[in-house]
N, C-alpha and C. Protein backbone atom coordinates (compact mmCIF):
# COMPACT_ATOMS: atom_id res chain seq x y z
N UNK A 1 71.86 -95.65 -4.75
CA UNK A 1 70.23 -95.44 -5.31
C UNK A 1 70.64 -95.76 -6.64
N UNK A 2 70.10 -95.76 -7.73
CA UNK A 2 70.65 -95.45 -9.16
C UNK A 2 69.86 -93.81 -9.74
N UNK A 3 70.08 -93.27 -10.45
CA UNK A 3 69.40 -92.21 -10.64
C UNK A 3 68.34 -92.13 -11.82
N UNK A 4 68.27 -93.31 -12.35
CA UNK A 4 67.49 -92.93 -13.00
C UNK A 4 66.01 -94.17 -12.25
N UNK A 5 66.19 -95.04 -11.10
CA UNK A 5 65.23 -95.74 -10.46
C UNK A 5 64.62 -94.06 -9.74
N UNK A 6 63.11 -94.46 -9.11
CA UNK A 6 62.89 -93.16 -8.48
C UNK A 6 62.22 -94.48 -7.27
N UNK A 7 61.84 -93.34 -6.45
CA UNK A 7 61.37 -93.94 -4.86
C UNK A 7 59.75 -93.50 -5.04
N UNK A 8 59.25 -94.68 -4.10
CA UNK A 8 57.72 -94.79 -3.83
C UNK A 8 57.43 -93.49 -2.85
N UNK A 9 56.62 -92.87 -3.20
CA UNK A 9 55.95 -92.43 -1.64
C UNK A 9 56.10 -92.86 -0.98
N UNK A 10 55.63 -92.01 0.83
CA UNK A 10 55.46 -93.16 1.75
C UNK A 10 53.76 -93.26 1.85
N UNK A 11 53.32 -92.57 1.11
CA UNK A 11 51.78 -93.05 1.33
C UNK A 11 51.22 -94.08 0.56
N UNK A 12 52.49 -94.86 -0.76
CA UNK A 12 52.48 -95.13 -1.45
C UNK A 12 52.74 -96.79 -0.44
N UNK A 13 53.42 -96.49 0.67
CA UNK A 13 54.46 -98.35 0.82
C UNK A 13 53.22 -98.08 1.54
N UNK A 14 52.81 -97.07 2.46
CA UNK A 14 51.79 -97.34 3.67
C UNK A 14 50.61 -97.42 3.53
N UNK A 15 49.76 -97.60 2.16
CA UNK A 15 48.83 -98.26 1.25
C UNK A 15 49.13 -99.61 1.18
N UNK A 16 50.38 -100.06 0.73
CA UNK A 16 50.39 -101.28 0.23
C UNK A 16 50.90 -102.36 1.30
N UNK A 17 50.88 -101.64 2.52
CA UNK A 17 51.73 -102.68 4.15
C UNK A 17 50.08 -102.62 4.24
N UNK A 18 48.71 -101.64 4.48
CA UNK A 18 47.53 -101.86 4.85
C UNK A 18 47.05 -101.86 4.30
N UNK A 19 47.21 -102.68 2.14
CA UNK A 19 46.44 -103.47 1.78
C UNK A 19 46.61 -105.05 1.89
N UNK A 20 48.27 -105.21 2.26
CA UNK A 20 48.16 -106.91 2.20
C UNK A 20 47.75 -106.99 3.51
N UNK A 21 47.93 -106.60 4.41
CA UNK A 21 47.62 -106.41 6.15
C UNK A 21 45.89 -106.98 5.93
N UNK A 22 45.30 -106.14 5.28
CA UNK A 22 43.51 -105.90 5.03
C UNK A 22 42.86 -107.55 4.36
N UNK A 23 43.45 -107.49 3.42
CA UNK A 23 43.56 -108.72 2.38
C UNK A 23 43.87 -110.50 3.71
N UNK A 24 45.41 -110.02 3.95
CA UNK A 24 45.17 -111.32 4.94
C UNK A 24 43.99 -111.36 5.92
N UNK A 25 43.74 -110.16 6.86
CA UNK A 25 43.04 -110.21 7.59
C UNK A 25 41.19 -110.96 7.28
N UNK A 26 41.19 -109.94 5.88
CA UNK A 26 40.13 -110.43 5.24
C UNK A 26 40.03 -112.26 5.18
N UNK A 27 41.06 -112.30 4.49
CA UNK A 27 41.15 -113.99 4.20
C UNK A 27 41.32 -114.95 5.16
N UNK A 28 42.04 -114.52 6.43
CA UNK A 28 41.88 -115.64 7.35
C UNK A 28 40.82 -115.07 8.19
N UNK A 29 39.86 -114.19 8.14
CA UNK A 29 38.93 -114.17 8.83
C UNK A 29 37.68 -114.96 8.45
N UNK A 30 37.91 -114.87 6.83
CA UNK A 30 36.85 -116.09 6.01
C UNK A 30 37.37 -117.52 6.48
N UNK A 31 38.56 -118.04 6.78
CA UNK A 31 38.45 -118.92 6.56
C UNK A 31 38.06 -119.81 8.10
N UNK A 32 38.34 -118.55 8.84
CA UNK A 32 37.60 -118.84 10.71
C UNK A 32 36.37 -119.59 10.75
N UNK A 33 35.67 -118.11 9.33
CA UNK A 33 34.14 -118.47 9.85
C UNK A 33 33.07 -119.63 9.10
N UNK A 34 34.52 -120.38 8.21
CA UNK A 34 33.34 -121.07 6.94
C UNK A 34 33.10 -122.17 8.07
N UNK A 35 32.01 -122.55 7.83
CA UNK A 35 30.91 -123.89 8.32
C UNK A 35 32.26 -125.52 8.34
N UNK A 36 33.50 -125.55 8.48
CA UNK A 36 33.91 -126.64 8.27
C UNK A 36 34.81 -126.71 9.48
N UNK A 37 35.33 -128.04 9.11
CA UNK A 37 36.01 -128.89 10.43
C UNK A 37 37.01 -128.05 10.61
N UNK A 38 37.86 -128.36 11.56
CA UNK A 38 38.47 -127.48 11.96
C UNK A 38 40.26 -127.80 11.14
N UNK A 39 40.48 -129.49 10.65
CA UNK A 39 41.31 -129.65 10.09
C UNK A 39 41.25 -128.74 8.85
N UNK A 40 40.28 -128.50 7.69
CA UNK A 40 40.21 -128.23 7.31
C UNK A 40 40.63 -126.75 7.08
N UNK A 41 40.25 -125.84 8.17
CA UNK A 41 40.36 -124.94 8.25
C UNK A 41 41.97 -124.44 7.84
N UNK A 42 42.95 -125.37 8.43
CA UNK A 42 43.91 -125.84 8.73
C UNK A 42 44.78 -125.64 7.60
N UNK A 43 44.28 -126.80 6.87
CA UNK A 43 44.69 -126.18 5.54
C UNK A 43 44.76 -125.50 4.56
N UNK A 44 43.33 -124.72 4.23
CA UNK A 44 43.49 -123.73 4.29
C UNK A 44 43.96 -122.74 4.55
N UNK A 45 44.48 -122.15 5.76
CA UNK A 45 45.42 -121.61 6.49
C UNK A 45 46.98 -122.02 5.89
N UNK A 46 47.31 -122.59 5.99
CA UNK A 46 48.65 -122.98 5.12
C UNK A 46 48.93 -122.53 3.86
N UNK A 47 47.99 -123.13 3.32
CA UNK A 47 47.73 -123.18 2.17
C UNK A 47 47.87 -121.28 1.53
N UNK A 48 47.10 -120.23 2.24
CA UNK A 48 47.45 -119.15 2.09
C UNK A 48 48.47 -118.82 2.45
N UNK A 49 49.38 -119.46 3.49
CA UNK A 49 50.58 -118.74 4.64
C UNK A 49 51.00 -118.79 3.19
N UNK A 50 51.97 -119.60 2.23
CA UNK A 50 52.74 -120.71 1.44
C UNK A 50 52.34 -120.15 0.10
N UNK A 51 51.12 -119.66 -0.04
CA UNK A 51 51.03 -118.64 -1.04
C UNK A 51 51.93 -117.15 -0.99
N UNK A 52 50.77 -116.73 -0.02
CA UNK A 52 51.93 -115.33 0.47
C UNK A 52 53.06 -115.52 0.13
N UNK A 53 54.22 -116.53 1.07
CA UNK A 53 55.39 -116.30 1.04
C UNK A 53 56.04 -116.29 -0.03
N UNK A 54 55.64 -117.33 -1.09
CA UNK A 54 55.49 -117.46 -2.50
C UNK A 54 55.98 -116.36 -3.56
N UNK A 55 55.08 -115.85 -3.25
CA UNK A 55 54.96 -115.18 -3.95
C UNK A 55 56.10 -113.51 -3.34
N UNK A 56 55.88 -113.22 -1.99
CA UNK A 56 57.38 -112.31 -1.38
C UNK A 56 58.66 -113.31 -2.42
N UNK A 57 58.66 -114.11 -2.01
CA UNK A 57 59.92 -114.62 -2.02
C UNK A 57 60.07 -114.60 -4.33
N UNK A 58 58.93 -114.85 -5.14
CA UNK A 58 59.50 -114.78 -6.65
C UNK A 58 59.13 -112.96 -6.36
N UNK A 59 58.72 -112.11 -6.30
CA UNK A 59 59.12 -111.02 -6.82
C UNK A 59 60.15 -110.59 -6.09
N UNK A 60 60.77 -111.13 -4.88
CA UNK A 60 62.33 -110.18 -4.35
C UNK A 60 63.32 -111.23 -5.34
N UNK A 61 63.30 -112.00 -6.20
CA UNK A 61 64.17 -113.44 -7.04
C UNK A 61 63.96 -112.15 -7.89
N UNK A 62 62.88 -111.57 -8.93
CA UNK A 62 62.35 -111.38 -10.03
C UNK A 62 63.44 -109.84 -9.81
N UNK A 63 63.33 -109.05 -8.50
CA UNK A 63 63.53 -107.74 -8.57
C UNK A 63 65.03 -108.11 -8.07
N UNK A 64 66.00 -109.04 -7.98
CA UNK A 64 67.22 -108.77 -7.46
C UNK A 64 68.01 -110.06 -9.21
N UNK A 65 67.17 -111.15 -9.84
CA UNK A 65 67.68 -110.83 -11.26
C UNK A 65 67.49 -109.68 -11.77
N UNK A 66 66.79 -108.89 -11.45
CA UNK A 66 66.48 -107.65 -12.64
C UNK A 66 68.16 -106.51 -12.57
N UNK A 67 68.09 -106.19 -10.70
CA UNK A 67 69.56 -105.37 -10.67
C UNK A 67 70.45 -105.93 -11.06
N UNK A 68 70.57 -107.58 -10.61
CA UNK A 68 71.90 -107.46 -11.16
C UNK A 68 72.50 -107.74 -12.78
N UNK A 69 71.45 -108.06 -13.26
CA UNK A 69 71.36 -107.73 -15.10
C UNK A 69 71.43 -105.94 -15.29
N UNK A 70 71.26 -105.43 -15.07
CA UNK A 70 72.07 -103.69 -14.75
C UNK A 70 72.94 -104.12 -14.60
N UNK A 71 73.03 -104.48 -13.48
CA UNK A 71 74.71 -104.64 -12.93
C UNK A 71 75.74 -104.65 -13.93
N UNK A 72 75.55 -106.12 -14.82
CA UNK A 72 75.79 -106.23 -15.42
C UNK A 72 76.52 -105.57 -17.21
N UNK A 73 74.81 -105.17 -17.20
CA UNK A 73 74.80 -104.27 -17.78
C UNK A 73 75.83 -102.80 -18.10
N UNK A 74 75.89 -102.25 -17.24
CA UNK A 74 76.92 -101.30 -16.57
C UNK A 74 77.97 -101.76 -17.05
N UNK A 75 78.74 -102.83 -16.16
CA UNK A 75 80.02 -103.24 -16.60
C UNK A 75 80.52 -102.67 -17.57
N UNK A 76 79.14 -103.47 -18.69
CA UNK A 76 79.70 -104.28 -20.51
C UNK A 76 79.78 -102.58 -20.88
N UNK A 77 79.41 -101.68 -20.00
CA UNK A 77 79.16 -100.68 -21.19
C UNK A 77 80.36 -99.72 -21.13
N UNK A 78 80.63 -100.30 -19.17
CA UNK A 78 81.92 -99.29 -18.92
C UNK A 78 83.26 -99.77 -19.52
N UNK A 79 83.24 -101.11 -19.80
CA UNK A 79 84.54 -101.17 -20.70
C UNK A 79 84.21 -101.61 -22.50
N UNK A 80 82.99 -101.80 -22.70
CA UNK A 80 83.38 -101.15 -24.50
C UNK A 80 83.67 -99.44 -23.82
N UNK A 81 83.44 -98.52 -23.18
CA UNK A 81 83.39 -97.29 -24.14
C UNK A 81 84.79 -96.64 -23.22
N UNK A 82 85.86 -98.06 -22.67
CA UNK A 82 86.97 -98.25 -22.15
C UNK A 82 87.70 -98.59 -23.49
N UNK A 83 87.40 -99.42 -23.67
CA UNK A 83 87.80 -99.36 -25.28
C UNK A 83 87.97 -98.69 -26.44
N UNK A 84 86.59 -98.54 -26.60
CA UNK A 84 86.98 -96.72 -27.42
C UNK A 84 87.47 -96.04 -27.74
N UNK A 85 87.65 -95.27 -26.23
CA UNK A 85 88.28 -94.62 -25.84
C UNK A 85 89.76 -94.54 -26.07
N UNK A 86 90.29 -96.24 -25.77
CA UNK A 86 91.61 -96.39 -25.91
C UNK A 86 92.41 -96.33 -27.43
N UNK A 87 90.97 -97.04 -28.59
CA UNK A 87 90.93 -97.13 -29.74
C UNK A 87 91.13 -95.33 -30.22
N UNK A 88 89.79 -94.26 -30.50
CA UNK A 88 90.34 -93.28 -30.01
C UNK A 88 91.30 -92.28 -30.36
N UNK A 89 92.23 -92.19 -28.80
CA UNK A 89 93.25 -92.22 -28.57
C UNK A 89 94.69 -92.23 -29.00
C-alpha cells in the first residue's frame, strides 16, 4: 500500500456493508409487497439488480483507473529524478 493512502476503520467498513444490505432488503421488500403482477415485480427486481451491479463495476473501474494513473505518475517522477541526478553529476 502507498504511504499516502489511508485505510478505513473496521467500523466504517461494517457500516457500509450493513447500509448496502439494508437498502437492498428494503428495496426488494418494497417490490415484493407492491400490488402489481408478478412479471412487473420481476422486471423491477432485474432493474435494481443490474443497477447495483453496474454501480459496483463503475466504482471499481474508476478506482483502477486512478490507481494506474498514480503508478504512471510515480514512474514518470522516478525517470525525471534519475535524469536530473545524471545531469547534476
